[in-house]
Structure formats: structure tokens, C-alpha cells
Amino acid sequence: MDYLHFFSPVRISRGQGHPVEEVDSVAEAMVFLRKWPKGRRGPVYQCALNCCSAALAGQMSAEEARKAFTGFARITRLLDDDMALPIGNDSKASIHALRR
């Protein structure tokens, strides 16, 4: 099931005093999502869950599921700050474009 591993992990931060958690596969994302409180399961949660389920069924790539899970983490403000900004040589240009 190596094809269900993410190209790069999704880093989850639950706030100060908690270690950053790395989710690096569709299976790990599913475990995380299934533990999510039922009262906080909205449309973004459902989208991430559906995409991960589709990836497990071979109907979607692991990277597409990763994008949905990353979106869920971003919307719920769990995405680690290190992942919130683009990385690479053009990161300064990207930050400048965001400030406009």
C-alpha cells in the first residue's frame, strides 16, 4: 500500500505545548478524521473523508486525498504554520504577491 503514502506529510499543530503531528498517508488521515468530534463535522470534513475513502478504494490518488485533507486542516486551523506558506526559491515572490 505504498501508493497510499503522501509525497510529503501534512503537519498538524494542536497549539503551543503540543507536538506537531505528521500525517503521511491516506490511512493515517482516515484515522485522524474518524477521531474528529462529531459536532464539528461539516462539509469540509465530509469532503476530506470522502476523498480519503475514494483513495482507499482506488478511485482517487493519494495526492488528491492529501489536498483535501490539507484543506480540512487549513480550515480547522490545525495546519502547521510551516505548511501555510509556499516553500522554495520563489517563496519571497509568493509572500510579496499575498501582501498585495
N, C-alpha and C. Protein backbone atom coordinates (compact mmCIF):
# COMPACT_ATOMS: atom_id res chain seq x y z
N MET A 1 0.81 -1.20 0.00
CA MET A 1 0.00 0.00 0.00
C MET A 1 0.85 1.26 0.00
N ASP A 2 2.08 1.18 -0.49
CA ASP A 2 2.95 2.35 -0.53
C ASP A 2 2.34 3.47 -1.38
N TYR A 3 1.51 3.12 -2.35
CA TYR A 3 0.93 4.14 -3.21
C TYR A 3 -0.04 5.04 -2.44
N LEU A 4 -0.39 4.68 -1.23
CA LEU A 4 -1.29 5.50 -0.43
C LEU A 4 -0.53 6.45 0.50
N HIS A 5 0.80 6.45 0.39
CA HIS A 5 1.59 7.41 1.16
C HIS A 5 1.62 8.74 0.43
N PHE A 6 1.61 9.82 1.21
CA PHE A 6 1.67 11.16 0.64
C PHE A 6 3.09 11.46 0.20
N PHE A 7 3.21 12.29 -0.83
CA PHE A 7 4.52 12.72 -1.30
C PHE A 7 5.27 13.45 -0.18
N SER A 8 4.55 14.29 0.55
CA SER A 8 5.10 14.95 1.74
C SER A 8 4.02 14.95 2.81
N PRO A 9 4.40 14.83 4.08
CA PRO A 9 3.40 14.73 5.14
C PRO A 9 2.65 16.03 5.36
N VAL A 10 1.45 15.91 5.89
CA VAL A 10 0.65 17.06 6.32
C VAL A 10 0.97 17.24 7.80
N ARG A 11 1.45 18.42 8.14
CA ARG A 11 1.85 18.68 9.53
C ARG A 11 0.70 19.34 10.29
N ILE A 12 0.27 18.68 11.36
CA ILE A 12 -0.86 19.13 12.17
C ILE A 12 -0.32 19.70 13.48
N SER A 13 -0.78 20.90 13.82
CA SER A 13 -0.38 21.54 15.07
C SER A 13 -1.62 21.81 15.90
N ARG A 14 -1.64 21.29 17.11
CA ARG A 14 -2.78 21.50 18.01
C ARG A 14 -2.53 22.64 18.98
N GLY A 15 -1.50 23.42 18.72
CA GLY A 15 -1.22 24.59 19.55
C GLY A 15 0.02 24.43 20.39
N GLN A 16 0.33 25.49 21.09
CA GLN A 16 1.53 25.54 21.91
C GLN A 16 1.48 24.46 22.99
N GLY A 17 2.60 23.81 23.20
CA GLY A 17 2.67 22.78 24.22
C GLY A 17 2.35 21.39 23.69
N HIS A 18 1.91 21.31 22.45
CA HIS A 18 1.60 20.02 21.84
C HIS A 18 2.59 19.76 20.71
N PRO A 19 3.06 18.54 20.57
CA PRO A 19 3.99 18.25 19.47
C PRO A 19 3.26 18.32 18.12
N VAL A 20 4.00 18.68 17.10
CA VAL A 20 3.45 18.68 15.74
C VAL A 20 3.32 17.23 15.30
N GLU A 21 2.17 16.90 14.74
CA GLU A 21 1.89 15.54 14.27
C GLU A 21 2.02 15.52 12.75
N GLU A 22 2.66 14.51 12.22
CA GLU A 22 2.78 14.38 10.77
C GLU A 22 1.88 13.25 10.29
N VAL A 23 1.00 13.58 9.37
CA VAL A 23 0.11 12.61 8.75
C VAL A 23 0.68 12.35 7.37
N ASP A 24 1.16 11.12 7.12
CA ASP A 24 1.87 10.88 5.86
C ASP A 24 1.24 9.83 4.96
N SER A 25 -0.01 9.47 5.24
CA SER A 25 -0.67 8.52 4.35
C SER A 25 -2.18 8.71 4.41
N VAL A 26 -2.86 8.15 3.44
CA VAL A 26 -4.32 8.19 3.41
C VAL A 26 -4.87 7.49 4.64
N ALA A 27 -4.28 6.34 5.00
CA ALA A 27 -4.77 5.59 6.16
C ALA A 27 -4.65 6.42 7.44
N GLU A 28 -3.54 7.12 7.62
CA GLU A 28 -3.38 7.97 8.80
C GLU A 28 -4.36 9.13 8.80
N ALA A 29 -4.63 9.69 7.62
CA ALA A 29 -5.62 10.77 7.52
C ALA A 29 -7.00 10.26 7.91
N MET A 30 -7.33 9.05 7.49
CA MET A 30 -8.62 8.46 7.85
C MET A 30 -8.74 8.27 9.36
N VAL A 31 -7.69 7.79 10.00
CA VAL A 31 -7.70 7.62 11.45
C VAL A 31 -7.94 8.96 12.13
N PHE A 32 -7.23 9.99 11.66
CA PHE A 32 -7.38 11.33 12.22
C PHE A 32 -8.82 11.82 12.04
N LEU A 33 -9.36 11.66 10.85
CA LEU A 33 -10.71 12.14 10.57
C LEU A 33 -11.77 11.39 11.38
N ARG A 34 -11.59 10.11 11.56
CA ARG A 34 -12.58 9.33 12.32
C ARG A 34 -12.59 9.71 13.79
N LYS A 35 -11.49 10.25 14.29
CA LYS A 35 -11.42 10.70 15.68
C LYS A 35 -11.97 12.13 15.86
N TRP A 36 -12.24 12.80 14.75
CA TRP A 36 -12.70 14.19 14.81
C TRP A 36 -14.06 14.25 15.50
N PRO A 37 -14.29 15.23 16.38
CA PRO A 37 -15.57 15.32 17.11
C PRO A 37 -16.78 15.40 16.18
N LYS A 38 -17.79 14.61 16.47
CA LYS A 38 -18.98 14.55 15.61
C LYS A 38 -19.67 15.90 15.47
N GLY A 39 -19.64 16.70 16.50
CA GLY A 39 -20.27 18.01 16.46
C GLY A 39 -19.55 19.03 15.59
N ARG A 40 -18.36 18.70 15.14
CA ARG A 40 -17.56 19.62 14.32
C ARG A 40 -17.37 19.09 12.90
N ARG A 41 -18.17 18.12 12.50
CA ARG A 41 -18.03 17.52 11.18
C ARG A 41 -18.92 18.23 10.16
N GLY A 42 -18.32 19.17 9.46
CA GLY A 42 -19.06 19.94 8.46
C GLY A 42 -18.72 19.48 7.05
N PRO A 43 -19.05 20.32 6.06
CA PRO A 43 -18.83 19.95 4.65
C PRO A 43 -17.35 19.76 4.27
N VAL A 44 -16.45 20.53 4.87
CA VAL A 44 -15.03 20.38 4.55
C VAL A 44 -14.52 19.05 5.11
N TYR A 45 -14.97 18.71 6.32
CA TYR A 45 -14.65 17.41 6.90
C TYR A 45 -15.15 16.29 5.99
N GLN A 46 -16.41 16.41 5.56
CA GLN A 46 -17.01 15.36 4.73
C GLN A 46 -16.28 15.21 3.40
N CYS A 47 -15.85 16.32 2.83
CA CYS A 47 -15.08 16.28 1.59
C CYS A 47 -13.77 15.53 1.79
N ALA A 48 -13.05 15.85 2.87
CA ALA A 48 -11.78 15.18 3.16
C ALA A 48 -12.00 13.69 3.39
N LEU A 49 -13.04 13.35 4.14
CA LEU A 49 -13.36 11.95 4.42
C LEU A 49 -13.71 11.21 3.12
N ASN A 50 -14.52 11.82 2.28
CA ASN A 50 -14.91 11.20 1.01
C ASN A 50 -13.69 10.99 0.10
N CYS A 51 -12.81 11.97 0.05
CA CYS A 51 -11.62 11.85 -0.80
C CYS A 51 -10.68 10.76 -0.29
N CYS A 52 -10.51 10.68 1.01
CA CYS A 52 -9.66 9.63 1.58
C CYS A 52 -10.29 8.25 1.33
N SER A 53 -11.59 8.15 1.47
CA SER A 53 -12.28 6.89 1.20
C SER A 53 -12.13 6.50 -0.27
N ALA A 54 -12.24 7.48 -1.15
CA ALA A 54 -12.09 7.21 -2.58
C ALA A 54 -10.66 6.76 -2.90
N ALA A 55 -9.68 7.35 -2.24
CA ALA A 55 -8.29 6.94 -2.46
C ALA A 55 -8.08 5.51 -1.98
N LEU A 56 -8.65 5.16 -0.84
CA LEU A 56 -8.53 3.79 -0.34
C LEU A 56 -9.19 2.79 -1.28
N ALA A 57 -10.23 3.24 -1.97
CA ALA A 57 -10.94 2.37 -2.92
C ALA A 57 -10.30 2.37 -4.30
N GLY A 58 -9.22 3.14 -4.47
CA GLY A 58 -8.54 3.19 -5.76
C GLY A 58 -9.21 4.09 -6.78
N GLN A 59 -10.10 4.96 -6.33
CA GLN A 59 -10.83 5.85 -7.23
C GLN A 59 -10.24 7.25 -7.30
N MET A 60 -9.21 7.48 -6.50
CA MET A 60 -8.57 8.79 -6.45
C MET A 60 -7.12 8.57 -6.01
N SER A 61 -6.26 9.47 -6.40
CA SER A 61 -4.86 9.32 -5.99
C SER A 61 -4.67 9.76 -4.54
N ALA A 62 -3.59 9.30 -3.96
CA ALA A 62 -3.25 9.69 -2.59
C ALA A 62 -2.99 11.19 -2.53
N GLU A 63 -2.41 11.77 -3.57
CA GLU A 63 -2.13 13.20 -3.56
C GLU A 63 -3.40 14.04 -3.63
N GLU A 64 -4.40 13.56 -4.35
CA GLU A 64 -5.69 14.27 -4.36
C GLU A 64 -6.33 14.22 -2.97
N ALA A 65 -6.24 13.07 -2.32
CA ALA A 65 -6.75 12.94 -0.95
C ALA A 65 -5.96 13.84 -0.01
N ARG A 66 -4.65 13.92 -0.23
CA ARG A 66 -3.81 14.79 0.61
C ARG A 66 -4.24 16.24 0.49
N LYS A 67 -4.55 16.67 -0.73
CA LYS A 67 -5.01 18.05 -0.93
C LYS A 67 -6.30 18.32 -0.15
N ALA A 68 -7.22 17.38 -0.18
CA ALA A 68 -8.48 17.54 0.55
C ALA A 68 -8.23 17.56 2.06
N PHE A 69 -7.35 16.68 2.53
CA PHE A 69 -7.04 16.63 3.96
C PHE A 69 -6.31 17.90 4.39
N THR A 70 -5.41 18.40 3.56
CA THR A 70 -4.71 19.65 3.85
C THR A 70 -5.69 20.81 3.93
N GLY A 71 -6.67 20.83 3.03
CA GLY A 71 -7.70 21.86 3.07
C GLY A 71 -8.49 21.80 4.37
N PHE A 72 -8.84 20.60 4.79
CA PHE A 72 -9.53 20.41 6.06
C PHE A 72 -8.68 20.94 7.21
N ALA A 73 -7.40 20.60 7.22
CA ALA A 73 -6.51 21.06 8.29
C ALA A 73 -6.36 22.58 8.28
N ARG A 74 -6.33 23.16 7.10
CA ARG A 74 -6.21 24.62 6.98
C ARG A 74 -7.48 25.30 7.51
N ILE A 75 -8.64 24.82 7.09
CA ILE A 75 -9.92 25.42 7.50
C ILE A 75 -10.13 25.30 9.01
N THR A 76 -9.72 24.19 9.58
CA THR A 76 -9.89 23.97 11.02
C THR A 76 -8.75 24.58 11.83
N ARG A 77 -7.83 25.25 11.17
CA ARG A 77 -6.69 25.92 11.78
C ARG A 77 -5.76 24.96 12.52
N LEU A 78 -5.65 23.76 11.99
CA LEU A 78 -4.74 22.76 12.54
C LEU A 78 -3.47 22.64 11.71
N LEU A 79 -3.47 23.22 10.51
CA LEU A 79 -2.32 23.11 9.64
C LEU A 79 -1.15 23.86 10.26
N ASP A 80 -0.02 23.19 10.39
CA ASP A 80 1.16 23.80 10.99
C ASP A 80 1.57 25.02 10.18
N ASP A 81 2.01 26.06 10.86
CA ASP A 81 2.40 27.31 10.20
C ASP A 81 3.46 27.11 9.13
N ASP A 82 4.33 26.12 9.30
CA ASP A 82 5.37 25.84 8.31
C ASP A 82 4.78 25.43 6.97
N MET A 83 3.57 24.89 6.98
CA MET A 83 2.95 24.44 5.73
C MET A 83 2.05 25.50 5.11
N ALA A 84 1.76 26.54 5.84
CA ALA A 84 0.81 27.54 5.36
C ALA A 84 1.37 28.40 4.24
N LEU A 85 2.68 28.55 4.19
CA LEU A 85 3.30 29.36 3.15
C LEU A 85 4.04 28.47 2.16
N PRO A 86 4.12 28.89 0.91
CA PRO A 86 4.86 28.10 -0.08
C PRO A 86 6.34 28.05 0.26
N ILE A 87 7.01 26.99 -0.16
CA ILE A 87 8.44 26.87 0.07
C ILE A 87 9.15 26.80 -1.27
N GLY A 88 10.44 27.08 -1.25
CA GLY A 88 11.22 27.02 -2.48
C GLY A 88 11.81 28.37 -2.82
N ASN A 89 12.40 28.44 -3.99
CA ASN A 89 13.11 29.65 -4.40
C ASN A 89 12.20 30.85 -4.58
N ASP A 90 10.96 30.63 -4.95
CA ASP A 90 10.07 31.75 -5.23
C ASP A 90 9.17 32.09 -4.04
N SER A 91 9.53 31.64 -2.83
CA SER A 91 8.68 31.90 -1.67
C SER A 91 8.59 33.39 -1.36
N LYS A 92 9.68 34.13 -1.55
CA LYS A 92 9.63 35.58 -1.30
C LYS A 92 8.68 36.26 -2.28
N ALA A 93 8.70 35.84 -3.53
CA ALA A 93 7.80 36.41 -4.52
C ALA A 93 6.36 36.05 -4.17
N SER A 94 6.12 34.84 -3.69
CA SER A 94 4.78 34.42 -3.32
C SER A 94 4.28 35.23 -2.13
N ILE A 95 5.13 35.46 -1.14
CA ILE A 95 4.74 36.25 0.02
C ILE A 95 4.43 37.67 -0.41
N HIS A 96 5.25 38.23 -1.32
CA HIS A 96 5.00 39.57 -1.81
C HIS A 96 3.65 39.64 -2.53
N ALA A 97 3.34 38.63 -3.31
CA ALA A 97 2.06 38.61 -4.02
C ALA A 97 0.89 38.53 -3.06
N LEU A 98 1.05 37.83 -1.95
CA LEU A 98 -0.02 37.73 -0.96
C LEU A 98 -0.29 39.06 -0.27
N ARG A 99 0.73 39.90 -0.17
CA ARG A 99 0.58 41.19 0.52
C ARG A 99 -0.13 42.21 -0.33
N ARG A 100 -0.24 41.98 -1.60
CA ARG A 100 -0.86 42.96 -2.50
C ARG A 100 -2.33 43.07 -2.27
